[in-house]
Protein backbone atom coordinates (compact mmCIF):
# COMPACT_ATOMS: atom_id res chain seq x y z
CA MET A 1 195.91 3.83 178.48
CA VAL A 2 198.29 1.01 179.44
CA GLN A 3 202.04 0.64 179.30
CA ILE A 4 203.86 -2.58 178.49
CA GLN A 5 207.62 -2.33 178.87
CA ASP A 6 208.67 0.59 176.64
CA LYS A 7 205.39 0.96 174.68
CA LYS A 8 202.11 2.75 175.40
CA PHE A 9 198.75 1.50 174.17
CA LYS A 10 195.25 2.98 174.05
CA LYS A 11 192.01 1.02 174.18
CA TYR A 12 190.83 0.07 170.70
CA LEU A 13 187.97 -2.41 171.33
CA SER A 14 186.15 -3.24 174.54
CA ASN A 15 185.64 -6.81 175.66
CA GLU A 16 181.90 -6.35 175.04
CA GLU A 17 182.60 -5.48 171.39
CA ILE A 18 184.96 -8.45 171.07
CA GLN A 19 182.39 -10.83 172.59
CA SER A 20 179.74 -9.64 170.14
CA ILE A 21 182.08 -10.48 167.25
CA VAL A 22 182.87 -13.88 168.82
CA ARG A 23 179.15 -14.72 169.20
CA ASP A 24 178.46 -13.83 165.55
CA LEU A 25 181.36 -16.01 164.38
CA ALA A 26 180.28 -18.91 166.62
CA GLN A 27 176.76 -18.78 165.20
CA GLN A 28 178.05 -18.79 161.61
CA ILE A 29 180.52 -21.63 162.25
CA SER A 30 177.83 -23.66 164.04
CA GLN A 31 175.52 -23.31 161.04
CA ASP A 32 178.20 -24.04 158.44
CA TYR A 33 179.56 -27.10 160.27
CA ALA A 34 176.32 -28.60 161.60
CA ASN A 35 176.40 -32.41 161.24
CA LYS A 36 180.06 -32.39 160.13
CA GLU A 37 183.12 -33.79 161.80
CA VAL A 38 185.20 -30.68 162.45
CA VAL A 39 188.53 -30.02 164.12
CA LEU A 40 189.27 -26.51 165.35
CA LEU A 41 193.01 -26.01 165.06
CA GLY A 42 193.99 -23.15 167.36
CA ILE A 43 197.25 -21.37 166.67
CA LEU A 44 199.06 -20.69 169.94
CA ASN A 45 199.73 -18.61 171.83
CA GLY A 46 197.49 -15.82 170.62
CA SER A 47 194.30 -17.74 169.84
CA PHE A 48 193.75 -19.34 173.25
CA MET A 49 191.29 -16.75 174.62
CA PHE A 50 189.41 -16.41 171.33
CA LEU A 51 189.12 -20.18 170.82
CA SER A 52 187.94 -20.71 174.39
CA ASP A 53 185.22 -18.06 174.11
CA LEU A 54 184.28 -19.24 170.61
CA VAL A 55 183.59 -22.87 171.53
CA GLN A 56 181.51 -21.82 174.53
CA GLU A 57 179.19 -19.95 172.14
CA MET A 58 178.97 -22.76 169.55
CA SER A 59 176.03 -25.14 169.23
CA ILE A 60 178.26 -27.89 167.77
CA ASP A 61 180.83 -30.07 169.55
CA PRO A 62 184.09 -29.87 167.57
CA GLU A 63 187.38 -31.57 168.30
CA ILE A 64 190.00 -29.08 169.42
CA SER A 65 193.73 -29.19 168.77
CA PHE A 66 196.58 -26.70 168.77
CA LEU A 67 199.72 -25.78 166.89
CA LYS A 68 202.33 -23.48 168.34
CA LEU A 69 204.14 -21.36 165.83
CA ALA A 70 206.28 -18.26 166.20
CA SER A 71 206.92 -15.52 163.65
CA TYR A 72 207.14 -12.31 165.72
CA SER A 73 209.97 -10.64 167.56
CA GLY A 74 208.70 -7.67 169.54
CA GLU A 75 206.23 -5.81 167.33
CA GLU A 76 207.63 -6.94 163.97
CA SER A 77 207.07 -10.09 161.95
CA THR A 78 210.38 -11.80 161.25
CA GLY A 79 209.03 -13.32 158.03
CA ASN A 80 210.16 -16.74 159.28
CA VAL A 81 207.72 -19.19 160.85
CA LYS A 82 209.04 -21.68 163.41
CA GLN A 83 206.91 -24.64 164.50
CA LEU A 84 207.27 -25.15 168.24
CA ILE A 85 204.46 -27.65 168.96
CA GLY A 86 203.16 -29.90 166.20
CA LEU A 87 199.89 -31.48 165.26
CA ASP A 88 199.16 -34.93 166.67
CA GLU A 89 195.51 -35.37 165.59
CA ASP A 90 194.24 -37.64 162.83
CA LEU A 91 192.66 -35.23 160.33
CA ASP A 92 191.73 -37.82 157.70
CA GLN A 93 188.28 -37.02 156.23
CA LYS A 94 187.68 -34.24 158.76
CA HIS A 95 186.89 -30.58 158.19
CA VAL A 96 189.69 -28.46 159.63
CA LEU A 97 189.09 -24.89 160.69
CA ILE A 98 192.33 -23.04 161.45
CA VAL A 99 191.63 -20.56 164.27
CA GLU A 100 193.85 -17.48 164.38
CA ASP A 101 193.71 -14.49 166.68
CA ILE A 102 194.97 -12.16 163.96
CA VAL A 103 196.02 -12.51 160.33
CA ASP A 104 198.42 -9.92 159.03
CA THR A 105 201.05 -10.97 156.44
CA GLY A 106 199.70 -14.51 155.99
CA ASN A 107 203.11 -16.13 156.47
CA THR A 108 201.88 -18.32 159.33
CA LEU A 109 198.82 -19.41 157.34
CA GLU A 110 200.97 -20.34 154.37
CA HIS A 111 203.14 -22.50 156.62
CA ILE A 112 200.10 -24.22 158.21
CA ILE A 113 198.32 -24.87 154.89
CA SER A 114 201.54 -26.37 153.51
CA SER A 115 201.88 -28.68 156.52
CA LEU A 116 198.26 -29.89 156.16
CA GLU A 117 198.50 -30.79 152.46
CA ASN A 118 199.13 -34.50 153.06
CA GLU A 119 196.76 -35.02 156.02
CA GLY A 120 193.74 -36.26 154.00
CA THR A 121 191.41 -33.53 155.25
CA GLU A 122 187.91 -33.14 153.85
CA SER A 123 188.36 -29.35 153.84
CA VAL A 124 190.58 -26.66 155.34
CA LYS A 125 189.24 -23.19 156.08
CA ILE A 126 190.54 -20.22 158.00
CA LEU A 127 188.87 -18.28 160.79
CA THR A 128 190.42 -15.16 162.30
CA LEU A 129 189.15 -12.78 164.91
CA PHE A 130 191.09 -9.86 163.43
CA HIS A 131 192.47 -9.28 159.94
CA LYS A 132 194.88 -6.62 158.70
CA PRO A 133 194.04 -6.45 154.98
CA ASP A 134 196.68 -3.78 154.28
CA MET A 135 199.43 -6.18 155.39
CA TYR A 136 198.07 -9.39 153.84
CA THR A 137 200.35 -10.62 151.06
CA LYS A 138 199.07 -14.13 150.29
CA ASP A 139 196.50 -15.56 147.86
CA ILE A 140 195.03 -17.78 150.57
CA THR A 141 191.35 -17.10 151.26
CA VAL A 142 190.50 -16.17 154.83
CA ASP A 143 187.02 -17.67 155.07
CA TYR A 144 185.77 -16.12 158.31
CA ILE A 145 186.87 -12.67 159.48
CA GLY A 146 185.57 -11.22 162.72
CA LYS A 147 186.79 -7.68 162.11
CA SER A 148 189.24 -6.01 159.76
CA ILE A 149 191.52 -3.59 161.57
CA PRO A 150 194.17 -1.06 160.52
CA ASN A 151 197.83 -1.93 160.33
CA ASP A 152 198.55 -0.95 163.94
CA PHE A 153 200.19 -3.18 166.53
CA VAL A 154 197.63 -4.50 169.03
CA VAL A 155 197.76 -6.34 172.35
CA GLY A 156 195.24 -7.92 174.66
CA TYR A 157 192.69 -10.71 174.37
CA GLY A 158 195.50 -13.22 173.84
CA MET A 159 197.83 -11.04 171.78
CA ASP A 160 201.08 -9.82 173.30
CA TYR A 161 204.06 -7.54 173.13
CA ASN A 162 207.20 -9.46 174.12
CA GLY A 163 205.08 -11.96 176.06
CA HIS A 164 203.10 -9.35 178.00
CA GLY A 165 199.57 -7.98 177.69
CA ARG A 166 197.83 -11.23 176.68
CA THR A 167 195.56 -11.20 179.73
CA PHE A 168 193.93 -7.84 179.02
CA LYS A 169 190.23 -8.43 178.29
CA ASP A 170 190.09 -5.46 175.91
CA LEU A 171 192.14 -4.89 172.75
CA TYR A 172 194.71 -2.10 172.86
CA GLN A 173 196.40 -0.30 169.96
CA MET A 174 199.99 0.95 170.17
CA LEU A 175 200.43 4.72 170.19
């Protein structure tokens, strides 16, 4: 049990369980993108731990870039996506793999896909460590899902509550 500000959380997944999921995803991505020019596009801030662990397990050498977007206030999605740091990579004729820590409503993905439409990419696919299918409202295919989880607020392994809890190695679920 941990407390962050006014909320209490219980352990949901251990770091060992998370790392097993990451290794499986890395193996699949390495196979699917072997001999292809790929750019991993990490969505900050939440994806930084996942993306770091993922690339260390991969047998390919992708380019890595980041976007910083914000759509949460506290534990609720605002429904509005703000772009705080933009893309500065040339994506022409490259395979882009959007790397998310968690996909819930899909609002952020919709915003990213829309912003990539005129970049000349060879392909755009989505990879997420965690997916909340009960919250997902978009028709955008999530190509790689590490684990589907219930519609509970989670922190740890890069995910936060009001900027806190990102550094926990395990994943915690709000009580």
